[in-house]
Amino acid sequence: MKRTTTETQPLLEIDTLSASIHGKTLLDQISIQISAGEIVALTGESGSGKSMTALAVMGLLPNQVDVDGCIRMDGQDLLTLSETEMCDIRGRDIGMVFQEPMTALNPVRTIGDQVAETIRVHTKASRSDALARAAEVLTRVGLPQDRFPLGRYPHELSGGQRQRVVIAMAIALRPRLLIADEPTTALDVTTQAQILDLLRDLSRTEGMAVMMITHDLAVVSDMADKIAVMKSGEIVEQAPTRQLFANMTHPYTRDLFEASRHQANMPDPIKAPALLQVQSVSCDYPLARPHPFAKRPAFRAVRDVSFEFQEGERVGLVGESGCGKSTLTRAILGLSETTTGTILFDGTPVFSHGHPNPNVQRQVQVVFQDPYGSFNPRHRVRRLITEPFHLLPNPPTGAARDSAIAKALSDVGLSPEDADKFPHAFSGGQRQRLAIARALIIRPKLIVFDEAVSALDVRVRAQILDLMAGLCRQYGLAYLFISHDLSVVRSITDRVLVMQRGEIVEQGATEQIFQSPTHAYTQSLIAAAPQLPELGDPNAA
């Protein structure tokens, strides 16, 4: 249900904002108005200028950037203020939630101290008063003190919980404007729904204006009052949400919409022998001793999990953050030291004498969520994608090595000439293609895709999904696809495993799970997934 604002004067007014660096245009005549209590979404692909616009509002653009135009808040032009004056506004009047919470948090300070720091910087509150307010605001964002004490550190929290801490820091002083830069990109669907509900509630109850930055129209289709679509530093279309979905006028907006609904054309599944057998697997993590002489307690992250995986089968693994997906994956890869039960790959134990079995490791590769973080930026592509060669008893050399590199790059839609480039020379989607090339180069029987498309733009994501479908046809590729995006899981898997609190609570054919889920948890996941309205629907959003 959309709210109508009665404000005649917008809280934030961006008027013909332009930015350039060394003659290259970054922003071109951007104009946006946001009133108190209004939620405005900026959407578009990476490099479209969304985050650049947010940084301009915060006064955080590099000194080398030339800025023209006006950014008025309550009639005051923020571009004319000194750094000292902007420091007084940041955190107090304007809060910002960054995309990656782990980089926004100090890993060696407790969450209580980090939230309290925002309060103490802008007020004369004592440390005890600031911590009391920190406890209050952390409870407000869903981190009550009985379960999440102030003394916890960021690494002790899941991704969604860390994002809540960042939101708590941003709203601790009840700012009038909150800028949320992709705050739900890497979150599971239920946590994403909770974060969106929280932002919506803050806007409604606190009268807080929200600038929501996202690449996914589905995320804001039922949340934003207004949507501005950006491309190459320009706003190509801007309208109230209902009007935008009822009548998209710009081709780029329609392209984004269609990419959000893209379904990969997967080959039909085939009957094949079992490739991976997981039988009664449990994994424990040791916890800190309550006192020096106490027995060390353990946390059971995976509980008695059993399933089978056929050759050439595409299986999805879904569940909330902290449910045990990553721990189970580590066990399958032979990287978990505290595993009980049996894991057989092609009839061979994953563990051999307490160590990962190298014969199994050759057959299993991984594509990680952040391809840039999984590459050494100092090395060229030809070295990066041949890293799995060390698993081979006789890795190819000379011309055979060059041929393998060229074939791997061609298979993922890149050029053999790209082998001499560095990772920074590629876009996010191209780097993910490089990660897939690295996984494919030794022709494994199974690839684990760990949130491999969650941080990609919708159009790039569609390209990667089509690439995966093509590889399945070409090589009969089997993969385990871990994702929080249920629409993607539905389009490229044959079977789905649903995990909750370390247990597989439901598994079955993909369409059966999505159309007739039997477990209450599966039903809640599907209900929480954002849905795009139909194009041209006058009742959209």
Protein backbone atom coordinates (compact mmCIF):
# COMPACT_ATOMS: atom_id res chain seq x y z
CA MET A 1 0.00 0.00 0.00
CA LYS A 2 1.65 3.21 -1.12
CA ARG A 3 1.71 6.31 1.01
CA THR A 4 0.98 9.75 -0.33
CA THR A 5 3.15 12.53 1.00
CA THR A 6 1.67 15.85 1.97
CA GLU A 7 5.02 17.65 1.94
CA THR A 8 5.07 20.58 -0.47
CA GLN A 9 8.80 21.16 -0.09
CA PRO A 10 11.00 18.11 -0.83
CA LEU A 11 13.47 17.12 1.88
CA LEU A 12 16.15 16.36 -0.72
CA GLU A 13 16.32 17.98 -4.13
CA ILE A 14 18.99 16.98 -6.64
CA ASP A 15 18.89 19.57 -9.41
CA THR A 16 20.75 19.02 -12.74
CA LEU A 17 23.65 17.29 -10.99
CA SER A 18 26.59 16.52 -13.27
CA ALA A 19 29.96 14.98 -12.44
CA SER A 20 33.03 14.24 -14.52
CA ILE A 21 36.63 13.17 -14.05
CA HIS A 22 39.44 13.88 -16.53
CA GLY A 23 36.83 14.80 -19.13
CA LYS A 24 34.80 11.59 -18.72
CA THR A 25 31.17 12.18 -17.76
CA LEU A 26 30.02 10.20 -14.72
CA LEU A 27 26.67 11.88 -14.07
CA ASP A 28 24.72 13.90 -16.60
CA GLN A 29 21.98 16.32 -15.49
CA ILE A 30 20.55 14.18 -12.68
CA SER A 31 17.36 15.59 -11.11
CA ILE A 32 15.50 13.79 -8.28
CA GLN A 33 13.24 14.96 -5.48
CA ILE A 34 12.56 13.01 -2.28
CA SER A 35 10.05 14.14 0.34
CA ALA A 36 9.95 13.19 4.02
CA GLY A 37 8.50 9.71 4.46
CA GLU A 38 8.95 8.88 0.75
CA ILE A 39 10.88 5.94 -0.67
CA VAL A 40 12.56 6.57 -4.02
CA ALA A 41 14.42 3.76 -5.80
CA LEU A 42 17.37 4.28 -8.13
CA THR A 43 17.74 1.26 -10.39
CA GLY A 44 20.01 0.34 -13.26
CA GLU A 45 23.07 -1.75 -14.08
CA SER A 46 26.53 -1.46 -12.55
CA GLY A 47 28.24 1.69 -13.78
CA SER A 48 24.96 3.51 -14.41
CA GLY A 49 25.73 6.13 -11.75
CA LYS A 50 23.49 4.99 -8.88
CA SER A 51 26.19 4.79 -6.21
CA MET A 52 27.92 7.87 -7.64
CA THR A 53 24.71 9.84 -7.05
CA ALA A 54 24.55 8.59 -3.46
CA LEU A 55 28.19 9.48 -2.82
CA ALA A 56 27.58 12.96 -4.21
CA VAL A 57 24.74 13.45 -1.71
CA MET A 58 27.01 12.27 1.10
CA GLY A 59 29.85 14.51 -0.06
CA LEU A 60 32.14 11.51 -0.52
CA LEU A 61 33.16 11.90 -4.16
CA PRO A 62 36.94 11.93 -4.80
CA ASN A 63 38.54 15.36 -4.94
CA GLN A 64 39.43 14.86 -8.61
CA VAL A 65 35.75 14.71 -9.61
CA ASP A 66 34.32 17.95 -11.01
CA VAL A 67 30.75 18.48 -9.82
CA ASP A 68 28.14 20.88 -11.14
CA GLY A 69 24.51 21.48 -10.18
CA CYS A 70 22.80 21.57 -6.77
CA ILE A 71 22.00 19.10 -4.00
CA ARG A 72 19.65 20.86 -1.61
CA MET A 73 18.52 19.47 1.73
CA ASP A 74 15.94 21.66 3.43
CA GLY A 75 16.96 24.36 0.96
CA GLN A 76 20.67 24.20 1.89
CA ASP A 77 23.06 23.33 -0.95
CA LEU A 78 25.22 20.48 0.34
CA LEU A 79 27.80 21.03 -2.42
CA THR A 80 28.75 24.39 -0.91
CA LEU A 81 29.49 23.00 2.57
CA SER A 82 32.97 22.35 3.92
CA GLU A 83 34.14 18.86 4.91
CA THR A 84 33.74 19.78 8.59
CA GLU A 85 30.14 20.83 8.01
CA MET A 86 29.42 17.65 6.04
CA CYS A 87 30.90 15.51 8.81
CA ASP A 88 28.34 17.05 11.14
CA ILE A 89 25.52 16.13 8.73
CA ARG A 90 26.65 12.58 7.96
CA GLY A 91 25.23 10.16 10.46
CA ARG A 92 23.03 12.79 12.09
CA ASP A 93 20.87 14.05 9.21
CA ILE A 94 21.88 11.57 6.49
CA GLY A 95 22.57 7.91 7.17
CA MET A 96 23.97 5.44 4.68
CA VAL A 97 23.76 1.66 4.47
CA PHE A 98 26.51 0.21 2.27
CA GLN A 99 26.21 -2.90 0.10
CA GLU A 100 28.86 -5.04 1.80
CA PRO A 101 28.44 -4.91 5.59
CA MET A 102 31.71 -6.68 6.38
CA THR A 103 33.71 -3.88 4.74
CA ALA A 104 31.58 -1.23 6.48
CA LEU A 105 32.19 -2.71 9.95
CA ASN A 106 35.39 -2.70 11.98
CA PRO A 107 36.30 -6.37 12.51
CA VAL A 108 38.11 -5.75 15.82
CA ARG A 109 35.36 -3.74 17.54
CA THR A 110 32.14 -5.07 19.02
CA ILE A 111 28.83 -4.29 17.38
CA GLY A 112 27.72 -2.35 20.47
CA ASP A 113 30.75 -0.06 20.34
CA GLN A 114 30.33 0.57 16.63
CA VAL A 115 26.70 1.61 16.95
CA ALA A 116 27.49 3.67 20.05
CA GLU A 117 30.34 5.44 18.23
CA THR A 118 27.87 7.06 15.83
CA ILE A 119 25.89 8.38 18.80
CA ARG A 120 28.92 9.69 20.71
CA VAL A 121 30.43 11.44 17.66
CA HIS A 122 27.33 13.60 17.18
CA THR A 123 26.08 13.98 20.75
CA LYS A 124 27.46 14.51 24.22
CA ALA A 125 26.11 11.18 25.42
CA SER A 126 28.22 9.20 27.85
CA ARG A 127 29.48 5.77 26.88
CA SER A 128 26.87 4.04 29.03
CA ASP A 129 24.05 6.15 27.57
CA ALA A 130 25.32 5.54 24.03
CA LEU A 131 25.47 1.79 24.65
CA ALA A 132 21.94 1.87 26.05
CA ARG A 133 20.74 3.62 22.89
CA ALA A 134 22.76 1.13 20.80
CA ALA A 135 20.98 -1.77 22.53
CA GLU A 136 17.64 -0.11 21.85
CA VAL A 137 18.29 0.46 18.15
CA LEU A 138 19.81 -3.02 17.63
CA THR A 139 16.65 -4.48 19.14
CA ARG A 140 14.65 -2.30 16.74
CA VAL A 141 16.40 -3.85 13.74
CA GLY A 142 15.84 -7.40 14.98
CA LEU A 143 18.95 -8.07 17.09
CA PRO A 144 17.62 -8.34 20.68
CA GLN A 145 20.19 -8.39 23.48
CA ASP A 146 19.20 -11.77 24.85
CA ARG A 147 20.33 -13.37 21.57
CA PHE A 148 22.81 -10.83 20.20
CA PRO A 149 24.68 -9.14 23.08
CA LEU A 150 26.54 -5.90 22.45
CA GLY A 151 29.86 -7.69 22.96
CA ARG A 152 29.62 -9.72 19.78
CA TYR A 153 32.00 -9.11 16.88
CA PRO A 154 30.97 -8.86 13.20
CA HIS A 155 32.50 -12.23 12.27
CA GLU A 156 30.19 -13.92 14.78
CA LEU A 157 27.11 -12.82 12.82
CA SER A 158 25.59 -13.96 9.54
CA GLY A 159 25.44 -11.70 6.49
CA GLY A 160 21.87 -10.62 7.21
CA GLN A 161 22.67 -9.93 10.86
CA ARG A 162 25.69 -7.81 9.91
CA GLN A 163 23.49 -5.83 7.52
CA ARG A 164 21.13 -5.15 10.42
CA VAL A 165 24.06 -3.78 12.45
CA VAL A 166 24.94 -1.43 9.59
CA ILE A 167 21.32 -0.26 9.44
CA ALA A 168 21.37 0.27 13.22
CA MET A 169 24.45 2.49 12.85
CA ALA A 170 22.74 4.45 10.09
CA ILE A 171 19.48 5.06 11.99
CA ALA A 172 20.87 5.43 15.53
CA LEU A 173 20.30 9.20 15.49
CA ARG A 174 17.06 9.03 13.49
CA PRO A 175 18.40 10.76 10.34
CA ARG A 176 15.90 12.45 8.07
CA LEU A 177 17.36 10.79 4.98
CA LEU A 178 18.57 7.20 4.70
CA ILE A 179 20.55 6.09 1.65
CA ALA A 180 20.50 2.30 1.22
CA ASP A 181 23.01 1.12 -1.41
CA GLU A 182 22.08 -2.43 -2.49
CA PRO A 183 21.31 -3.38 1.15
CA THR A 184 19.74 -6.75 0.28
CA THR A 185 21.82 -7.98 -2.68
CA ALA A 186 23.56 -10.86 -0.88
CA LEU A 187 20.77 -11.73 1.56
CA ASP A 188 18.44 -14.72 1.56
CA VAL A 189 14.80 -14.10 0.68
CA THR A 190 13.38 -14.11 4.21
CA THR A 191 16.13 -11.82 5.53
CA GLN A 192 15.70 -9.61 2.46
CA ALA A 193 11.97 -9.36 3.13
CA GLN A 194 12.66 -8.47 6.77
CA ILE A 195 15.18 -5.76 5.81
CA LEU A 196 12.78 -4.26 3.26
CA ASP A 197 9.96 -4.33 5.83
CA LEU A 198 12.28 -2.62 8.33
CA LEU A 199 13.17 0.17 5.87
CA ARG A 200 9.50 0.58 4.98
CA ASP A 201 8.57 0.75 8.67
CA LEU A 202 11.27 3.35 9.39
CA SER A 203 9.98 5.49 6.55
CA ARG A 204 6.41 5.19 7.79
CA THR A 205 6.93 5.62 11.55
CA GLU A 206 9.92 7.99 11.61
CA GLY A 207 8.98 10.03 8.54
CA MET A 208 12.40 9.10 7.17
CA ALA A 209 13.06 9.67 3.48
CA VAL A 210 14.75 6.68 1.83
CA MET A 211 16.87 6.57 -1.30
CA MET A 212 17.02 2.88 -2.24
CA ILE A 213 19.70 1.82 -4.72
CA THR A 214 19.22 -1.54 -6.43
CA HIS A 215 19.71 -3.31 -9.75
CA ASP A 216 16.61 -5.47 -9.34
CA LEU A 217 13.16 -4.04 -10.10
CA ALA A 218 11.47 -6.93 -8.26
CA VAL A 219 13.02 -5.84 -4.95
CA VAL A 220 11.37 -2.42 -4.99
CA SER A 221 8.25 -3.15 -7.02
CA ASP A 222 6.03 -3.21 -3.93
CA MET A 223 8.14 -0.94 -1.74
CA ALA A 224 9.12 2.26 -3.55
CA ASP A 225 6.81 5.21 -4.06
CA LYS A 226 8.81 6.29 -7.10
CA ILE A 227 11.45 4.67 -9.34
CA ALA A 228 14.20 6.40 -11.31
CA VAL A 229 15.95 4.27 -13.94
CA MET A 230 19.59 5.17 -14.63
CA LYS A 231 21.79 4.31 -17.58
CA SER A 232 25.29 5.64 -18.36
CA GLY A 233 25.01 8.44 -15.80
CA GLU A 234 21.57 9.63 -16.93
CA ILE A 235 18.04 9.15 -15.66
CA VAL A 236 16.27 7.70 -18.70
CA GLU A 237 12.89 7.24 -17.00
CA GLN A 238 11.37 8.40 -13.73
CA ALA A 239 7.80 7.88 -12.53
CA PRO A 240 5.66 6.72 -9.59
CA THR A 241 6.00 2.95 -9.20
CA ARG A 242 2.44 2.13 -10.23
CA GLN A 243 2.74 4.30 -13.34
CA LEU A 244 6.16 2.90 -14.30
CA PHE A 245 4.99 -0.71 -14.31
CA ALA A 246 1.75 0.19 -16.06
CA ASN A 247 3.54 2.02 -18.88
CA MET A 248 7.30 1.66 -19.36
CA THR A 249 8.27 4.22 -21.97
CA HIS A 250 12.02 3.67 -22.34
CA PRO A 251 13.44 0.55 -24.07
CA TYR A 252 16.16 0.21 -21.41
CA THR A 253 13.56 -0.03 -18.63
CA ARG A 254 11.79 -2.76 -20.58
CA ASP A 255 15.12 -4.57 -21.05
CA LEU A 256 15.71 -4.53 -17.27
CA PHE A 257 12.19 -5.81 -16.67
CA GLU A 258 12.54 -8.67 -19.17
CA ALA A 259 15.98 -9.61 -17.80
CA SER A 260 14.49 -9.84 -14.29
CA ARG A 261 12.01 -12.43 -15.63
CA HIS A 262 14.55 -14.29 -17.78
CA GLN A 263 14.28 -18.09 -17.87
CA ALA A 264 17.29 -20.06 -19.11
CA ASN A 265 16.53 -22.77 -21.71
CA MET A 266 17.88 -25.80 -19.86
CA PRO A 267 18.24 -29.24 -21.46
CA ASP A 268 15.99 -31.99 -20.19
CA PRO A 269 17.35 -34.03 -17.25
CA ILE A 270 18.51 -37.56 -17.96
CA LYS A 271 18.60 -40.71 -15.85
CA ALA A 272 22.18 -41.46 -14.78
CA PRO A 273 24.12 -43.27 -12.04
CA ALA A 274 24.68 -41.65 -8.64
CA LEU A 275 27.63 -39.24 -8.64
CA LEU A 276 27.54 -37.92 -5.06
CA GLN A 277 26.20 -39.81 -2.06
CA VAL A 278 25.81 -37.99 1.25
CA GLN A 279 24.79 -40.31 4.08
CA SER A 280 24.00 -39.21 7.67
CA VAL A 281 26.46 -36.31 7.57
CA SER A 282 26.81 -34.03 10.59
CA CYS A 283 29.27 -31.17 11.15
CA ASP A 284 30.22 -29.53 14.45
CA TYR A 285 32.01 -26.30 15.25
CA PRO A 286 33.87 -25.97 18.58
CA LEU A 287 32.74 -23.07 20.77
CA ALA A 288 34.59 -21.14 23.45
CA ARG A 289 34.79 -22.77 26.90
CA PRO A 290 32.51 -21.09 29.45
CA HIS A 291 35.43 -21.32 31.91
CA PRO A 292 39.00 -22.70 31.66
CA PHE A 293 38.22 -26.13 33.13
CA ALA A 294 34.95 -26.73 31.31
CA LYS A 295 34.57 -29.19 28.47
CA ARG A 296 34.62 -27.36 25.16
CA PRO A 297 31.05 -27.18 23.81
CA ALA A 298 30.24 -27.63 20.13
CA PHE A 299 27.67 -26.18 17.77
CA ARG A 300 26.08 -28.61 15.32
CA ALA A 301 25.84 -26.74 12.02
CA VAL A 302 24.74 -29.73 9.90
CA ARG A 303 22.46 -32.42 11.32
CA ASP A 304 22.20 -35.92 9.86
CA VAL A 305 21.91 -34.85 6.20
CA SER A 306 21.43 -37.48 3.49
CA PHE A 307 20.83 -37.15 -0.26
CA GLU A 308 22.10 -38.41 -3.62
CA PHE A 309 23.28 -36.53 -6.69
CA GLN A 310 23.21 -38.06 -10.18
CA GLU A 311 25.67 -37.48 -13.02
CA GLY A 312 24.59 -34.50 -15.11
CA GLU A 313 21.97 -33.45 -12.54
CA ARG A 314 21.43 -29.80 -11.59
CA VAL A 315 20.52 -29.44 -7.92
CA GLY A 316 19.62 -26.26 -6.03
CA LEU A 317 20.37 -25.72 -2.34
CA VAL A 318 18.35 -22.98 -0.66
CA GLY A 319 17.86 -21.71 2.87
CA GLU A 320 18.47 -18.71 5.10
CA SER A 321 21.87 -17.40 6.15
CA GLY A 322 23.29 -19.59 8.90
CA CYS A 323 21.22 -22.64 7.96
CA GLY A 324 24.33 -24.72 7.20
CA LYS A 325 24.57 -24.46 3.38
CA SER A 326 28.21 -23.37 3.38
CA THR A 327 29.21 -25.91 6.04
CA LEU A 328 27.59 -28.72 4.05
CA THR A 329 29.36 -27.50 0.92
CA ARG A 330 32.72 -27.52 2.72
CA ALA A 331 32.06 -31.08 3.80
CA ILE A 332 31.27 -32.13 0.21
CA LEU A 333 34.50 -30.47 -0.93
CA GLY A 334 36.46 -32.28 1.76
CA LEU A 335 37.34 -29.07 3.61
CA SER A 336 35.51 -29.66 6.91
CA GLU A 337 37.56 -31.40 9.60
CA THR A 338 34.70 -32.08 12.00
CA THR A 339 32.47 -34.19 9.77
CA THR A 340 30.81 -37.47 10.70
CA GLY A 341 28.93 -39.73 8.33
CA THR A 342 29.81 -40.84 4.81
CA ILE A 343 30.39 -38.75 1.66
CA LEU A 344 31.17 -40.71 -1.50
CA PHE A 345 31.98 -39.10 -4.84
CA ASP A 346 31.73 -41.53 -7.73
CA GLY A 347 32.12 -44.32 -5.17
CA THR A 348 35.28 -42.80 -3.64
CA PRO A 349 35.39 -41.29 -0.11
CA VAL A 350 35.80 -37.52 -0.10
CA PHE A 351 38.14 -37.87 2.89
CA SER A 352 41.22 -40.07 2.77
CA HIS A 353 43.16 -40.62 6.03
CA GLY A 354 41.77 -37.40 7.50
CA HIS A 355 42.67 -35.29 4.45
CA PRO A 356 40.77 -34.27 1.30
CA ASN A 357 41.07 -36.97 -1.34
CA PRO A 358 43.02 -35.47 -4.28
CA ASN A 359 41.31 -37.83 -6.71
CA VAL A 360 37.96 -36.32 -5.69
CA GLN A 361 39.24 -32.74 -5.69
CA ARG A 362 40.11 -33.08 -9.37
CA GLN A 363 36.47 -33.84 -10.11
CA VAL A 364 34.89 -31.00 -8.10
CA GLN A 365 35.40 -27.26 -8.66
CA VAL A 366 33.82 -24.13 -7.17
CA VAL A 367 32.60 -20.80 -8.57
CA PHE A 368 32.42 -18.25 -5.78
CA GLN A 369 30.05 -15.34 -5.24
CA ASP A 370 32.70 -12.64 -5.61
CA PRO A 371 34.93 -13.47 -8.59
CA TYR A 372 37.18 -10.45 -8.03
CA GLY A 373 37.86 -11.53 -4.45
CA SER A 374 38.72 -15.06 -5.62
CA PHE A 375 41.38 -13.84 -8.07
CA ASN A 376 44.88 -12.59 -7.31
CA PRO A 377 44.79 -9.10 -8.91
CA ARG A 378 48.53 -9.22 -9.65
CA HIS A 379 48.28 -12.24 -11.94
CA ARG A 380 47.15 -12.44 -15.54
CA VAL A 381 44.17 -14.49 -16.66
CA ARG A 382 46.28 -17.29 -18.14
CA ARG A 383 47.78 -18.01 -14.72
CA LEU A 384 44.53 -17.54 -12.81
CA ILE A 385 42.36 -19.94 -14.80
CA THR A 386 45.05 -22.65 -14.83
CA GLU A 387 45.26 -22.82 -11.03
CA PRO A 388 43.36 -26.17 -10.97
CA PHE A 389 46.15 -27.75 -13.05
CA HIS A 390 48.07 -28.38 -9.83
CA LEU A 391 45.47 -31.08 -9.05
CA LEU A 392 46.42 -33.06 -12.16
CA PRO A 393 49.17 -35.70 -12.00
CA ASN A 394 50.48 -34.57 -15.42
CA PRO A 395 49.32 -30.99 -16.12
CA PRO A 396 49.59 -29.85 -19.74
CA THR A 397 52.54 -27.68 -20.77
CA GLY A 398 53.57 -25.60 -23.76
CA ALA A 399 51.18 -25.65 -26.70
CA ALA A 400 48.77 -28.03 -24.92
CA ARG A 401 48.50 -25.60 -22.03
CA ASP A 402 47.85 -22.66 -24.37
CA SER A 403 45.22 -24.68 -26.21
CA ALA A 404 43.45 -25.55 -22.94
CA ILE A 405 43.42 -21.86 -21.93
CA ALA A 406 42.01 -20.79 -25.31
CA LYS A 407 39.33 -23.49 -25.20
CA ALA A 408 38.26 -22.61 -21.66
CA LEU A 409 37.95 -18.91 -22.51
CA SER A 410 36.06 -19.64 -25.72
CA ASP A 411 33.67 -21.95 -23.87
CA VAL A 412 32.57 -19.10 -21.62
CA GLY A 413 32.19 -16.54 -24.40
CA LEU A 414 35.52 -14.75 -24.01
CA SER A 415 38.40 -14.38 -26.42
CA PRO A 416 41.69 -16.34 -26.21
CA GLU A 417 43.44 -12.95 -26.36
CA ASP A 418 41.94 -12.16 -22.94
CA ALA A 419 44.48 -14.57 -21.41
CA ASP A 420 47.08 -11.78 -21.16
CA LYS A 421 44.83 -9.31 -19.33
CA PHE A 422 44.50 -8.67 -15.59
CA PRO A 423 41.20 -9.19 -13.68
CA HIS A 424 40.60 -5.43 -13.27
CA ALA A 425 40.27 -5.10 -17.06
CA PHE A 426 36.98 -7.02 -17.01
CA SER A 427 33.45 -6.20 -15.94
CA GLY A 428 31.73 -8.09 -13.12
CA GLY A 429 29.94 -10.43 -15.51
CA GLN A 430 33.15 -11.11 -17.46
CA ARG A 431 35.01 -11.89 -14.25
CA GLN A 432 32.32 -14.41 -13.36
CA ARG A 433 32.86 -15.97 -16.79
CA LEU A 434 36.57 -16.21 -15.94
CA ALA A 435 35.68 -17.95 -12.68
CA ILE A 436 33.57 -20.47 -14.63
CA ALA A 437 36.45 -20.95 -17.11
CA ARG A 438 38.78 -21.71 -14.19
CA ALA A 439 36.32 -24.29 -12.88
CA LEU A 440 35.86 -25.90 -16.31
CA ILE A 441 39.46 -26.10 -17.44
CA ILE A 442 40.13 -29.55 -15.94
CA ARG A 443 36.69 -30.85 -16.97
CA PRO A 444 35.31 -31.70 -13.50
CA LYS A 445 32.23 -33.86 -13.04
CA LEU A 446 30.65 -31.45 -10.55
CA ILE A 447 30.77 -27.68 -10.11
CA VAL A 448 29.54 -25.90 -6.99
CA PHE A 449 28.08 -22.48 -7.78
CA ASP A 450 28.08 -20.59 -4.46
CA GLU A 451 25.81 -17.54 -4.92
CA ALA A 452 27.50 -17.13 -8.29
CA VAL A 453 24.97 -14.67 -9.75
CA SER A 454 23.58 -12.91 -6.67
CA ALA A 455 25.69 -9.75 -7.03
CA LEU A 456 25.29 -9.41 -10.81
CA ASP A 457 23.05 -7.04 -12.71
CA VAL A 458 19.88 -8.62 -14.04
CA ARG A 459 21.01 -8.47 -17.68
CA VAL A 460 24.46 -9.90 -16.87
CA ARG A 461 22.80 -12.54 -14.70
CA ALA A 462 20.63 -13.58 -17.65
CA GLN A 463 23.77 -13.98 -19.80
CA ILE A 464 25.51 -16.14 -17.16
CA LEU A 465 22.43 -18.36 -16.79
CA ASP A 466 22.27 -18.84 -20.56
CA LEU A 467 25.99 -19.70 -20.49
CA MET A 468 25.36 -22.35 -17.83
CA ALA A 469 22.53 -23.82 -19.88
CA GLY A 470 24.82 -24.03 -22.92
CA LEU A 471 27.56 -25.74 -20.90
CA CYS A 472 25.04 -28.30 -19.66
CA ARG A 473 24.18 -29.17 -23.26
CA GLN A 474 27.80 -29.27 -24.35
CA TYR A 475 29.38 -31.17 -21.47
CA GLY A 476 26.50 -32.73 -19.52
CA LEU A 477 27.59 -30.54 -16.62
CA ALA A 478 26.37 -31.43 -13.13
CA TYR A 479 26.27 -28.68 -10.53
CA LEU A 480 25.13 -27.78 -7.06
CA PHE A 481 23.64 -24.29 -7.24
CA ILE A 482 23.52 -22.44 -3.92
CA SER A 483 21.43 -19.29 -4.06
CA HIS A 484 18.95 -17.15 -2.16
CA ASP A 485 17.26 -16.08 -5.42
CA LEU A 486 14.43 -18.58 -5.78
CA SER A 487 13.46 -17.41 -9.27
CA VAL A 488 16.96 -18.28 -10.52
CA VAL A 489 16.96 -21.63 -8.71
CA ARG A 490 13.63 -22.47 -10.30
CA SER A 491 14.86 -21.72 -13.80
CA ILE A 492 18.13 -23.72 -13.84
CA THR A 493 17.73 -26.72 -11.51
CA ASP A 494 16.13 -30.14 -11.80
CA ARG A 495 15.82 -30.72 -8.08
CA VAL A 496 15.87 -28.56 -4.94
CA LEU A 497 17.09 -29.20 -1.40
CA VAL A 498 15.64 -26.91 1.26
CA MET A 499 17.81 -26.49 4.36
CA GLN A 500 16.81 -25.12 7.76
CA ARG A 501 18.91 -25.13 10.93
CA GLY A 502 21.31 -27.72 9.59
CA GLU A 503 18.69 -30.14 8.30
CA ILE A 504 17.26 -30.87 4.86
CA VAL A 505 13.58 -30.27 5.61
CA GLU A 506 12.29 -30.84 2.08
CA GLN A 507 13.65 -32.07 -1.25
CA GLY A 508 12.13 -32.94 -4.57
CA ALA A 509 11.72 -31.98 -8.21
CA THR A 510 12.02 -28.22 -8.68
CA GLU A 511 8.54 -27.58 -10.05
CA GLN A 512 6.99 -29.82 -7.42
CA ILE A 513 8.71 -27.86 -4.64
CA PHE A 514 7.70 -24.48 -6.05
CA GLN A 515 4.14 -25.38 -6.94
CA SER A 516 3.23 -27.60 -3.98
CA PRO A 517 5.65 -27.12 -1.07
CA THR A 518 4.74 -29.31 1.90
CA HIS A 519 6.99 -27.94 4.64
CA ALA A 520 6.02 -24.69 6.36
CA TYR A 521 9.57 -23.35 6.04
CA THR A 522 9.61 -23.90 2.26
CA GLN A 523 6.26 -22.17 2.03
CA SER A 524 7.63 -19.17 3.95
CA LEU A 525 10.67 -18.93 1.65
CA ILE A 526 8.54 -18.92 -1.48
CA ALA A 527 6.11 -16.41 0.03
CA ALA A 528 8.99 -14.06 0.95
CA ALA A 529 10.51 -14.02 -2.55
CA PRO A 530 9.90 -10.68 -4.34
CA GLN A 531 7.62 -10.90 -7.36
CA LEU A 532 7.54 -8.63 -10.37
CA PRO A 533 4.08 -7.34 -11.33
CA GLU A 534 2.89 -7.97 -14.85
CA LEU A 535 3.96 -5.35 -17.36
CA GLY A 536 1.12 -2.98 -18.17
CA ASP A 537 -0.90 -3.94 -15.10
CA PRO A 538 -2.65 -0.75 -13.90
CA ASN A 539 -2.74 -2.22 -10.39
CA ALA A 540 1.01 -2.92 -10.34
CA ALA A 541 2.79 -2.26 -7.05
